[in-house]
Amino acid sequence: MPIEILAQPAWTVATALVFGLIVGSFLNVVIYRLPEGQSVVFPASRCPACGAAIRAWDNVPVLSYLALRGRCRSCGVIISPRYPLIELLTGCVFAAVAWRFGAVWLAPLLMACAAGLIAAAVIDLDHQIIPDEISVGGLALGLVLVPIARTAGGEAYTAALGQSLLGALLGWGMLWSVGFAHARFSAVIGREYEHWPGDGEDYPTPASLDYWTWFPGMGLGDVKLLAMIGAFLGPWGVLSTMVAASCLGLLMGVGSALVTRSFKSPFGFGPAIAIGALLSMLIPDPFVRFG
């Protein structure tokens, strides 16, 4: 039976929008510091150019950027428009979750999942990595809290836990199987990639951990991220995420090849997975009910 989307009170959506803008401001810190191994809490936000502390009234999401005309108050350096865009994107996604699900226990958890997806996508776009703090931490959060939230919404706990566990296992297994099969086929035909195998190194053997976890063209971070998505969205959510991500990944790959004029240039698959998961989360699916 198709899912009905009910109009939510305006205050619910507005509150989620404001909360999302604030979280988006924090995500900018996470995206900048986490890949560098820095604390995302201390020190307080600073200008990356001059190091001056950003005052509270200059750190209001979106509005401060507009008021300062996109420049640091201390040194005048241009601030990337990506900062307010991430804040605005997070706010809009949170508002969409609130509109889609309303004031239910599951909604704030899906917002947390969405925040993790946004941060993972941008970090992967910049560095081609997905930090475990996001993927593994999100996986643990989903497995523990999502079944509790679903139970509060009227589902049986064992069924809700089973959905999260099955989703996580399916998410992990799908991408791991693809990466493993591709690695073994590449080894059989003698194909080499940058950093796989390493310079002067042989292909991994079954006796080594790399044989099971080190794949060319795909990081294990993508596998962990899809497992996290499964813990939140369940098995059907994983399947719809992969369909959307595969289409998006193909478009991104072609686009990257056109820009770099090379089909060998690496690009992160994380953004495609994240967008696919958000679409799966927010677009009504006739086969599964999240809320």
C-alpha atoms as a PDB file:
ATOM      1  CA  MET A   1       0.000   0.000   0.000  1.00  0.00           C
ATOM      2  CA  PRO A   2       1.472   3.404  -0.922  1.00  0.00           C
ATOM      3  CA  ILE A   3       2.698   5.594   1.912  1.00  0.00           C
ATOM      4  CA  GLU A   4       0.593   8.638   2.684  1.00  0.00           C
ATOM      5  CA  ILE A   5       2.382  11.931   3.192  1.00  0.00           C
ATOM      6  CA  LEU A   6       0.530  14.128   5.642  1.00  0.00           C
ATOM      7  CA  ALA A   7       1.037  17.871   5.850  1.00  0.00           C
ATOM      8  CA  GLN A   8       3.061  18.647   8.965  1.00  0.00           C
ATOM      9  CA  PRO A   9       2.578  21.697  11.185  1.00  0.00           C
ATOM     10  CA  ALA A  10       4.602  24.655   9.929  1.00  0.00           C
ATOM     11  CA  TRP A  11       6.355  25.029  13.276  1.00  0.00           C
ATOM     12  CA  THR A  12       7.681  21.472  13.052  1.00  0.00           C
ATOM     13  CA  VAL A  13       9.264  22.064   9.662  1.00  0.00           C
ATOM     14  CA  ALA A  14      10.526  25.530  10.636  1.00  0.00           C
ATOM     15  CA  THR A  15      12.119  24.233  13.820  1.00  0.00           C
ATOM     16  CA  ALA A  16      13.831  21.469  11.865  1.00  0.00           C
ATOM     17  CA  LEU A  17      15.092  24.017   9.330  1.00  0.00           C
ATOM     18  CA  VAL A  18      16.678  26.212  12.016  1.00  0.00           C
ATOM     19  CA  PHE A  19      18.163  23.182  13.781  1.00  0.00           C
ATOM     20  CA  GLY A  20      19.551  21.946  10.466  1.00  0.00           C
ATOM     21  CA  LEU A  21      21.208  25.297   9.768  1.00  0.00           C
ATOM     22  CA  ILE A  22      22.974  25.100  13.137  1.00  0.00           C
ATOM     23  CA  VAL A  23      24.028  21.493  12.553  1.00  0.00           C
ATOM     24  CA  GLY A  24      25.226  22.469   9.071  1.00  0.00           C
ATOM     25  CA  SER A  25      27.519  25.063  10.627  1.00  0.00           C
ATOM     26  CA  PHE A  26      29.001  22.327  12.812  1.00  0.00           C
ATOM     27  CA  LEU A  27      29.348  20.030   9.800  1.00  0.00           C
ATOM     28  CA  ASN A  28      31.606  22.626   8.192  1.00  0.00           C
ATOM     29  CA  VAL A  29      33.948  22.204  11.170  1.00  0.00           C
ATOM     30  CA  VAL A  30      33.751  18.411  10.918  1.00  0.00           C
ATOM     31  CA  ILE A  31      34.454  18.440   7.184  1.00  0.00           C
ATOM     32  CA  TYR A  32      37.475  20.702   7.615  1.00  0.00           C
ATOM     33  CA  ARG A  33      39.028  19.162  10.736  1.00  0.00           C
ATOM     34  CA  LEU A  34      38.169  15.459  10.811  1.00  0.00           C
ATOM     35  CA  PRO A  35      40.327  14.429   7.810  1.00  0.00           C
ATOM     36  CA  GLU A  36      43.230  16.312   9.400  1.00  0.00           C
ATOM     37  CA  GLY A  37      42.879  14.414  12.676  1.00  0.00           C
ATOM     38  CA  GLN A  38      41.939  17.577  14.572  1.00  0.00           C
ATOM     39  CA  SER A  39      39.378  17.928  17.344  1.00  0.00           C
ATOM     40  CA  VAL A  40      35.985  19.063  16.103  1.00  0.00           C
ATOM     41  CA  VAL A  41      35.253  20.665  19.476  1.00  0.00           C
ATOM     42  CA  PHE A  42      38.396  22.575  20.464  1.00  0.00           C
ATOM     43  CA  PRO A  43      39.512  25.180  19.652  1.00  0.00           C
ATOM     44  CA  ALA A  44      36.489  27.277  18.731  1.00  0.00           C
ATOM     45  CA  SER A  45      35.865  28.155  15.081  1.00  0.00           C
ATOM     46  CA  ARG A  46      38.667  30.186  13.527  1.00  0.00           C
ATOM     47  CA  CYS A  47      39.444  31.754  10.183  1.00  0.00           C
ATOM     48  CA  PRO A  48      41.596  29.221   8.279  1.00  0.00           C
ATOM     49  CA  ALA A  49      43.583  32.077   6.725  1.00  0.00           C
ATOM     50  CA  CYS A  50      44.514  34.326   9.672  1.00  0.00           C
ATOM     51  CA  GLY A  51      43.585  32.101  12.629  1.00  0.00           C
ATOM     52  CA  ALA A  52      41.388  34.764  14.247  1.00  0.00           C
ATOM     53  CA  ALA A  53      38.586  33.388  16.417  1.00  0.00           C
ATOM     54  CA  ILE A  54      35.162  33.793  14.834  1.00  0.00           C
ATOM     55  CA  ARG A  55      32.848  35.719  17.124  1.00  0.00           C
ATOM     56  CA  ALA A  56      29.415  34.340  17.950  1.00  0.00           C
ATOM     57  CA  TRP A  57      27.591  37.015  15.948  1.00  0.00           C
ATOM     58  CA  ASP A  58      29.796  36.258  12.944  1.00  0.00           C
ATOM     59  CA  ASN A  59      28.970  32.565  13.159  1.00  0.00           C
ATOM     60  CA  VAL A  60      25.221  32.694  12.568  1.00  0.00           C
ATOM     61  CA  PRO A  61      24.474  30.222   9.768  1.00  0.00           C
ATOM     62  CA  VAL A  62      24.033  31.793   6.321  1.00  0.00           C
ATOM     63  CA  LEU A  63      23.110  35.247   7.700  1.00  0.00           C
ATOM     64  CA  SER A  64      26.616  36.065   8.931  1.00  0.00           C
ATOM     65  CA  TYR A  65      28.079  35.102   5.561  1.00  0.00           C
ATOM     66  CA  LEU A  66      25.670  37.480   3.833  1.00  0.00           C
ATOM     67  CA  ALA A  67      26.277  40.268   6.369  1.00  0.00           C
ATOM     68  CA  LEU A  68      30.063  39.965   5.976  1.00  0.00           C
ATOM     69  CA  ARG A  69      29.703  39.716   2.193  1.00  0.00           C
ATOM     70  CA  GLY A  70      31.606  36.478   2.195  1.00  0.00           C
ATOM     71  CA  ARG A  71      34.784  37.806   3.849  1.00  0.00           C
ATOM     72  CA  CYS A  72      36.562  37.345   7.165  1.00  0.00           C
ATOM     73  CA  ARG A  73      35.991  40.323   9.468  1.00  0.00           C
ATOM     74  CA  SER A  74      39.621  40.228  10.668  1.00  0.00           C
ATOM     75  CA  CYS A  75      41.702  39.727   7.527  1.00  0.00           C
ATOM     76  CA  GLY A  76      39.201  40.269   4.724  1.00  0.00           C
ATOM     77  CA  VAL A  77      40.025  36.992   2.972  1.00  0.00           C
ATOM     78  CA  ILE A  78      37.232  35.578   0.826  1.00  0.00           C
ATOM     79  CA  ILE A  79      35.252  32.812   2.560  1.00  0.00           C
ATOM     80  CA  SER A  80      34.241  29.915   0.332  1.00  0.00           C
ATOM     81  CA  PRO A  81      30.524  29.960  -0.515  1.00  0.00           C
ATOM     82  CA  ARG A  82      30.550  26.242   0.211  1.00  0.00           C
ATOM     83  CA  TYR A  83      30.166  27.016   3.933  1.00  0.00           C
ATOM     84  CA  PRO A  84      26.722  28.660   3.714  1.00  0.00           C
ATOM     85  CA  LEU A  85      25.667  26.175   1.016  1.00  0.00           C
ATOM     86  CA  ILE A  86      26.347  23.229   3.350  1.00  0.00           C
ATOM     87  CA  GLU A  87      24.453  25.013   6.121  1.00  0.00           C
ATOM     88  CA  LEU A  88      21.525  25.674   3.802  1.00  0.00           C
ATOM     89  CA  LEU A  89      21.580  22.131   2.415  1.00  0.00           C
ATOM     90  CA  THR A  90      21.546  20.616   5.906  1.00  0.00           C
ATOM     91  CA  GLY A  91      18.714  22.899   6.967  1.00  0.00           C
ATOM     92  CA  CYS A  92      16.631  21.992   3.911  1.00  0.00           C
ATOM     93  CA  VAL A  93      17.260  18.256   4.377  1.00  0.00           C
ATOM     94  CA  PHE A  94      16.260  18.440   8.059  1.00  0.00           C
ATOM     95  CA  ALA A  95      13.115  20.363   7.080  1.00  0.00           C
ATOM     96  CA  ALA A  96      12.338  17.716   4.450  1.00  0.00           C
ATOM     97  CA  VAL A  97      12.722  14.942   7.047  1.00  0.00           C
ATOM     98  CA  ALA A  98      10.361  16.807   9.394  1.00  0.00           C
ATOM     99  CA  TRP A  99       7.838  17.298   6.585  1.00  0.00           C
ATOM    100  CA  ARG A 100       8.139  13.664   5.508  1.00  0.00           C
ATOM    101  CA  PHE A 101       7.883  12.027   8.932  1.00  0.00           C
ATOM    102  CA  GLY A 102       6.598  14.630  11.375  1.00  0.00           C
ATOM    103  CA  ALA A 103       7.355  14.719  15.098  1.00  0.00           C
ATOM    104  CA  VAL A 104       8.114  11.013  15.584  1.00  0.00           C
ATOM    105  CA  TRP A 105      10.939   9.369  17.508  1.00  0.00           C
ATOM    106  CA  LEU A 106      12.605   8.208  14.309  1.00  0.00           C
ATOM    107  CA  ALA A 107      12.867  11.693  12.763  1.00  0.00           C
ATOM    108  CA  PRO A 108      15.853  13.031  14.787  1.00  0.00           C
ATOM    109  CA  LEU A 109      17.754   9.803  14.108  1.00  0.00           C
ATOM    110  CA  LEU A 110      17.167  10.159  10.375  1.00  0.00           C
ATOM    111  CA  MET A 111      18.370  13.759  10.663  1.00  0.00           C
ATOM    112  CA  ALA A 112      21.555  12.494  12.334  1.00  0.00           C
ATOM    113  CA  CYS A 113      21.962   9.977   9.518  1.00  0.00           C
ATOM    114  CA  ALA A 114      21.462  12.729   6.936  1.00  0.00           C
ATOM    115  CA  ALA A 115      24.057  14.919   8.650  1.00  0.00           C
ATOM    116  CA  GLY A 116      26.548  12.053   8.567  1.00  0.00           C
ATOM    117  CA  LEU A 117      25.825  11.468   4.888  1.00  0.00           C
ATOM    118  CA  ILE A 118      26.412  15.123   4.012  1.00  0.00           C
ATOM    119  CA  ALA A 119      29.710  15.225   5.915  1.00  0.00           C
ATOM    120  CA  ALA A 120      30.862  11.901   4.428  1.00  0.00           C
ATOM    121  CA  ALA A 121      29.994  13.017   0.894  1.00  0.00           C
ATOM    122  CA  VAL A 122      31.945  16.280   1.081  1.00  0.00           C
ATOM    123  CA  ILE A 123      34.960  14.694   2.805  1.00  0.00           C
ATOM    124  CA  ASP A 124      35.040  11.930   0.194  1.00  0.00           C
ATOM    125  CA  LEU A 125      34.785  14.543  -2.531  1.00  0.00           C
ATOM    126  CA  ASP A 126      37.780  16.398  -1.079  1.00  0.00           C
ATOM    127  CA  HIS A 127      40.001  13.554   0.137  1.00  0.00           C
ATOM    128  CA  GLN A 128      38.606  10.276  -1.262  1.00  0.00           C
ATOM    129  CA  ILE A 129      38.172   8.946   2.269  1.00  0.00           C
ATOM    130  CA  ILE A 130      35.202   8.361   4.566  1.00  0.00           C
ATOM    131  CA  PRO A 131      36.228   8.587   8.236  1.00  0.00           C
ATOM    132  CA  ASP A 132      35.258   5.692  10.507  1.00  0.00           C
ATOM    133  CA  GLU A 133      33.993   8.237  13.025  1.00  0.00           C
ATOM    134  CA  ILE A 134      31.109   8.857  10.609  1.00  0.00           C
ATOM    135  CA  SER A 135      30.484   5.440   9.048  1.00  0.00           C
ATOM    136  CA  VAL A 136      31.232   3.081  11.944  1.00  0.00           C
ATOM    137  CA  GLY A 137      29.930   5.546  14.532  1.00  0.00           C
ATOM    138  CA  GLY A 138      26.747   5.973  12.511  1.00  0.00           C
ATOM    139  CA  LEU A 139      26.409   2.208  12.115  1.00  0.00           C
ATOM    140  CA  ALA A 140      26.540   1.736  15.895  1.00  0.00           C
ATOM    141  CA  LEU A 141      24.033   4.565  16.422  1.00  0.00           C
ATOM    142  CA  GLY A 142      21.642   3.058  13.898  1.00  0.00           C
ATOM    143  CA  LEU A 143      21.821  -0.462  15.253  1.00  0.00           C
ATOM    144  CA  VAL A 144      21.242   0.645  18.844  1.00  0.00           C
ATOM    145  CA  LEU A 145      18.775   3.529  18.604  1.00  0.00           C
ATOM    146  CA  VAL A 146      16.754   2.974  15.412  1.00  0.00           C
ATOM    147  CA  PRO A 147      15.078  -0.223  16.707  1.00  0.00           C
ATOM    148  CA  ILE A 148      14.220   1.600  19.956  1.00  0.00           C
ATOM    149  CA  ALA A 149      12.706   4.505  18.012  1.00  0.00           C
ATOM    150  CA  ARG A 150      10.700   2.144  15.812  1.00  0.00           C
ATOM    151  CA  THR A 151       9.468   0.323  18.899  1.00  0.00           C
ATOM    152  CA  ALA A 152       8.309   3.645  20.342  1.00  0.00           C
ATOM    153  CA  GLY A 153       6.391   4.111  17.090  1.00  0.00           C
ATOM    154  CA  GLY A 154       4.492   0.866  17.570  1.00  0.00           C
ATOM    155  CA  GLU A 155       6.680  -1.815  15.952  1.00  0.00           C
ATOM    156  CA  ALA A 156       7.834  -4.955  17.700  1.00  0.00           C
ATOM    157  CA  TYR A 157      11.419  -4.577  18.919  1.00  0.00           C
ATOM    158  CA  THR A 158      12.643  -7.878  17.489  1.00  0.00           C
ATOM    159  CA  ALA A 159      11.249  -7.019  14.047  1.00  0.00           C
ATOM    160  CA  ALA A 160      12.747  -3.512  14.153  1.00  0.00           C
ATOM    161  CA  LEU A 161      16.137  -4.846  15.275  1.00  0.00           C
ATOM    162  CA  GLY A 162      16.011  -7.482  12.561  1.00  0.00           C
ATOM    163  CA  GLN A 163      15.382  -4.811   9.910  1.00  0.00           C
ATOM    164  CA  SER A 164      18.382  -2.760  11.041  1.00  0.00           C
ATOM    165  CA  LEU A 165      20.660  -5.793  11.285  1.00  0.00           C
ATOM    166  CA  LEU A 166      19.567  -7.164   7.912  1.00  0.00           C
ATOM    167  CA  GLY A 167      19.954  -3.735   6.318  1.00  0.00           C
ATOM    168  CA  ALA A 168      23.463  -3.309   7.718  1.00  0.00           C
ATOM    169  CA  LEU A 169      24.532  -6.801   6.630  1.00  0.00           C
ATOM    170  CA  LEU A 170      23.056  -6.334   3.167  1.00  0.00           C
ATOM    171  CA  GLY A 171      24.680  -2.915   2.793  1.00  0.00           C
ATOM    172  CA  TRP A 172      28.067  -4.282   3.826  1.00  0.00           C
ATOM    173  CA  GLY A 173      27.750  -7.468   1.799  1.00  0.00           C
ATOM    174  CA  MET A 174      26.652  -5.857  -1.460  1.00  0.00           C
ATOM    175  CA  LEU A 175      29.555  -3.459  -1.848  1.00  0.00           C
ATOM    176  CA  TRP A 176      32.119  -5.800  -0.295  1.00  0.00           C
ATOM    177  CA  SER A 177      31.165  -8.513  -2.784  1.00  0.00           C
ATOM    178  CA  VAL A 178      31.541  -6.117  -5.713  1.00  0.00           C
ATOM    179  CA  GLY A 179      34.923  -4.880  -4.485  1.00  0.00           C
ATOM    180  CA  PHE A 180      36.199  -8.366  -3.706  1.00  0.00           C
ATOM    181  CA  ALA A 181      35.117  -9.807  -7.065  1.00  0.00           C
ATOM    182  CA  HIS A 182      36.649  -6.865  -8.928  1.00  0.00           C
ATOM    183  CA  ALA A 183      39.919  -7.243  -7.023  1.00  0.00           C
ATOM    184  CA  ARG A 184      40.152 -10.948  -7.762  1.00  0.00           C
ATOM    185  CA  PHE A 185      39.348 -10.456 -11.449  1.00  0.00           C
ATOM    186  CA  SER A 186      41.919  -7.642 -11.681  1.00  0.00           C
ATOM    187  CA  ALA A 187      44.543  -9.915 -10.117  1.00  0.00           C
ATOM    188  CA  VAL A 188      43.764 -12.750 -12.547  1.00  0.00           C
ATOM    189  CA  ILE A 189      44.198 -10.564 -15.635  1.00  0.00           C
ATOM    190  CA  GLY A 190      47.228  -8.820 -14.112  1.00  0.00           C
ATOM    191  CA  ARG A 191      45.696  -5.372 -14.098  1.00  0.00           C
ATOM    192  CA  GLU A 192      47.365  -2.778 -11.850  1.00  0.00           C
ATOM    193  CA  TYR A 193      46.011   0.434 -10.374  1.00  0.00           C
ATOM    194  CA  GLU A 194      47.631   3.326  -8.599  1.00  0.00           C
ATOM    195  CA  HIS A 195      48.499   2.106  -5.075  1.00  0.00           C
ATOM    196  CA  TRP A 196      47.155  -1.414  -5.861  1.00  0.00           C
ATOM    197  CA  PRO A 197      49.298  -3.377  -5.607  1.00  0.00           C
ATOM    198  CA  GLY A 198      51.969  -1.116  -4.166  1.00  0.00           C
ATOM    199  CA  ASP A 199      55.132  -0.348  -6.087  1.00  0.00           C
ATOM    200  CA  GLY A 200      57.177  -3.548  -6.256  1.00  0.00           C
ATOM    201  CA  GLU A 201      54.594  -5.529  -4.274  1.00  0.00           C
ATOM    202  CA  ASP A 202      52.767  -8.690  -5.290  1.00  0.00           C
ATOM    203  CA  TYR A 203      49.001  -9.016  -5.304  1.00  0.00           C
ATOM    204  CA  PRO A 204      47.550  -9.788  -1.852  1.00  0.00           C
ATOM    205  CA  THR A 205      47.146 -13.465  -0.972  1.00  0.00           C
ATOM    206  CA  PRO A 206      44.321 -15.090   1.038  1.00  0.00           C
ATOM    207  CA  ALA A 207      46.626 -15.257   4.049  1.00  0.00           C
ATOM    208  CA  SER A 208      46.795 -11.446   4.277  1.00  0.00           C
ATOM    209  CA  LEU A 209      44.116  -9.071   5.517  1.00  0.00           C
ATOM    210  CA  ASP A 210      44.582  -6.929   2.401  1.00  0.00           C
ATOM    211  CA  TYR A 211      43.240  -9.802   0.293  1.00  0.00           C
ATOM    212  CA  TRP A 212      39.861  -9.395   2.006  1.00  0.00           C
ATOM    213  CA  THR A 213      39.756  -5.647   2.588  1.00  0.00           C
ATOM    214  CA  TRP A 214      42.014  -3.882   0.054  1.00  0.00           C
ATOM    215  CA  PHE A 215      40.258  -3.313  -3.250  1.00  0.00           C
ATOM    216  CA  PRO A 216      41.267  -1.281  -6.327  1.00  0.00           C
ATOM    217  CA  GLY A 217      39.036   1.593  -7.284  1.00  0.00           C
ATOM    218  CA  MET A 218      36.872   1.360  -4.149  1.00  0.00           C
ATOM    219  CA  GLY A 219      37.681   2.053  -0.526  1.00  0.00           C
ATOM    220  CA  LEU A 220      36.321   0.068   2.384  1.00  0.00           C
ATOM    221  CA  GLY A 221      34.836   3.353   3.585  1.00  0.00           C
ATOM    222  CA  ASP A 222      32.086   3.018   0.957  1.00  0.00           C
ATOM    223  CA  VAL A 223      31.261  -0.446   2.312  1.00  0.00           C
ATOM    224  CA  LYS A 224      31.024   0.838   5.875  1.00  0.00           C
ATOM    225  CA  LEU A 225      28.906   3.816   4.781  1.00  0.00           C
ATOM    226  CA  LEU A 226      26.374   1.585   3.037  1.00  0.00           C
ATOM    227  CA  ALA A 227      26.237  -0.626   6.145  1.00  0.00           C
ATOM    228  CA  MET A 228      25.424   2.487   8.186  1.00  0.00           C
ATOM    229  CA  ILE A 229      22.670   3.386   5.730  1.00  0.00           C
ATOM    230  CA  GLY A 230      21.235  -0.111   6.067  1.00  0.00           C
ATOM    231  CA  ALA A 231      21.085   0.205   9.847  1.00  0.00           C
ATOM    232  CA  PHE A 232      18.909   3.311   9.463  1.00  0.00           C
ATOM    233  CA  LEU A 233      16.853   2.514   6.367  1.00  0.00           C
ATOM    234  CA  GLY A 234      16.675  -1.267   6.423  1.00  0.00           C
ATOM    235  CA  PRO A 235      17.168  -3.698   3.518  1.00  0.00           C
ATOM    236  CA  TRP A 236      14.742  -2.041   1.097  1.00  0.00           C
ATOM    237  CA  GLY A 237      16.374   1.305   1.789  1.00  0.00           C
ATOM    238  CA  VAL A 238      19.780  -0.190   0.944  1.00  0.00           C
ATOM    239  CA  LEU A 239      18.506  -1.618  -2.338  1.00  0.00           C
ATOM    240  CA  SER A 240      16.910   1.637  -3.463  1.00  0.00           C
ATOM    241  CA  THR A 241      20.034   3.518  -2.354  1.00  0.00           C
ATOM    242  CA  MET A 242      22.241   1.288  -4.508  1.00  0.00           C
ATOM    243  CA  VAL A 243      20.018   1.699  -7.575  1.00  0.00           C
ATOM    244  CA  ALA A 244      20.129   5.484  -7.279  1.00  0.00           C
ATOM    245  CA  ALA A 245      23.851   5.545  -6.353  1.00  0.00           C
ATOM    246  CA  SER A 246      24.792   3.371  -9.325  1.00  0.00           C
ATOM    247  CA  CYS A 247      23.059   5.722 -11.750  1.00  0.00           C
ATOM    248  CA  LEU A 248      24.547   8.785 -10.073  1.00  0.00           C
ATOM    249  CA  GLY A 249      28.000   7.179  -9.912  1.00  0.00           C
ATOM    250  CA  LEU A 250      27.910   6.500 -13.645  1.00  0.00           C
ATOM    251  CA  LEU A 251      27.024  10.117 -14.358  1.00  0.00           C
ATOM    252  CA  MET A 252      29.732  11.346 -11.972  1.00  0.00           C
ATOM    253  CA  GLY A 253      32.300   9.043 -13.553  1.00  0.00           C
ATOM    254  CA  VAL A 254      31.510  10.284 -17.053  1.00  0.00           C
ATOM    255  CA  GLY A 255      31.551  13.876 -15.826  1.00  0.00           C
ATOM    256  CA  SER A 256      34.900  13.372 -14.095  1.00  0.00           C
ATOM    257  CA  ALA A 257      36.342  11.791 -17.234  1.00  0.00           C
ATOM    258  CA  LEU A 258      35.193  14.716 -19.359  1.00  0.00           C
ATOM    259  CA  VAL A 259      36.692  17.264 -16.974  1.00  0.00           C
ATOM    260  CA  THR A 260      40.014  15.467 -16.440  1.00  0.00           C
ATOM    261  CA  ARG A 261      40.085  13.954 -19.941  1.00  0.00           C
ATOM    262  CA  SER A 262      40.991  10.640 -18.379  1.00  0.00           C
ATOM    263  CA  PHE A 263      38.962   7.590 -17.370  1.00  0.00           C
ATOM    264  CA  LYS A 264      41.669   6.680 -14.857  1.00  0.00           C
ATOM    265  CA  SER A 265      41.229   9.697 -12.585  1.00  0.00           C
ATOM    266  CA  PRO A 266      39.885   8.578  -9.180  1.00  0.00           C
ATOM    267  CA  PHE A 267      36.761  10.078  -7.689  1.00  0.00           C
ATOM    268  CA  GLY A 268      34.879   9.284  -4.507  1.00  0.00           C
ATOM    269  CA  PHE A 269      31.753   7.118  -4.751  1.00  0.00           C
ATOM    270  CA  GLY A 270      30.622   8.411  -1.358  1.00  0.00           C
ATOM    271  CA  PRO A 271      28.692  11.410  -2.743  1.00  0.00           C
ATOM    272  CA  ALA A 272      26.643   9.155  -5.019  1.00  0.00           C
ATOM    273  CA  ILE A 273      25.878   6.792  -2.119  1.00  0.00           C
ATOM    274  CA  ALA A 274      24.926   9.708   0.136  1.00  0.00           C
ATOM    275  CA  ILE A 275      22.605  11.286  -2.429  1.00  0.00           C
ATOM    276  CA  GLY A 276      21.055   7.908  -3.176  1.00  0.00           C
ATOM    277  CA  ALA A 277      20.407   7.333   0.534  1.00  0.00           C
ATOM    278  CA  LEU A 278      18.836  10.771   0.976  1.00  0.00           C
ATOM    279  CA  LEU A 279      16.555  10.140  -1.999  1.00  0.00           C
ATOM    280  CA  SER A 280      15.623   6.750  -0.555  1.00  0.00           C
ATOM    281  CA  MET A 281      14.934   8.359   2.809  1.00  0.00           C
ATOM    282  CA  LEU A 282      12.829  11.253   1.562  1.00  0.00           C
ATOM    283  CA  ILE A 283      10.948   9.898  -1.460  1.00  0.00           C
ATOM    284  CA  PRO A 284       7.945   7.723  -0.567  1.00  0.00           C
ATOM    285  CA  ASP A 285       8.531   4.062  -1.384  1.00  0.00           C
ATOM    286  CA  PRO A 286       5.459   1.871  -1.891  1.00  0.00           C
ATOM    287  CA  PHE A 287       7.310  -1.186  -0.509  1.00  0.00           C
ATOM    288  CA  VAL A 288       8.627   0.121   2.811  1.00  0.00           C
ATOM    289  CA  ARG A 289       7.495   2.414   5.597  1.00  0.00           C
ATOM    290  CA  PHE A 290      10.179   4.163   7.674  1.00  0.00           C
ATOM    291  CA  GLY A 291       7.958   6.268   9.902  1.00  0.00           C
END
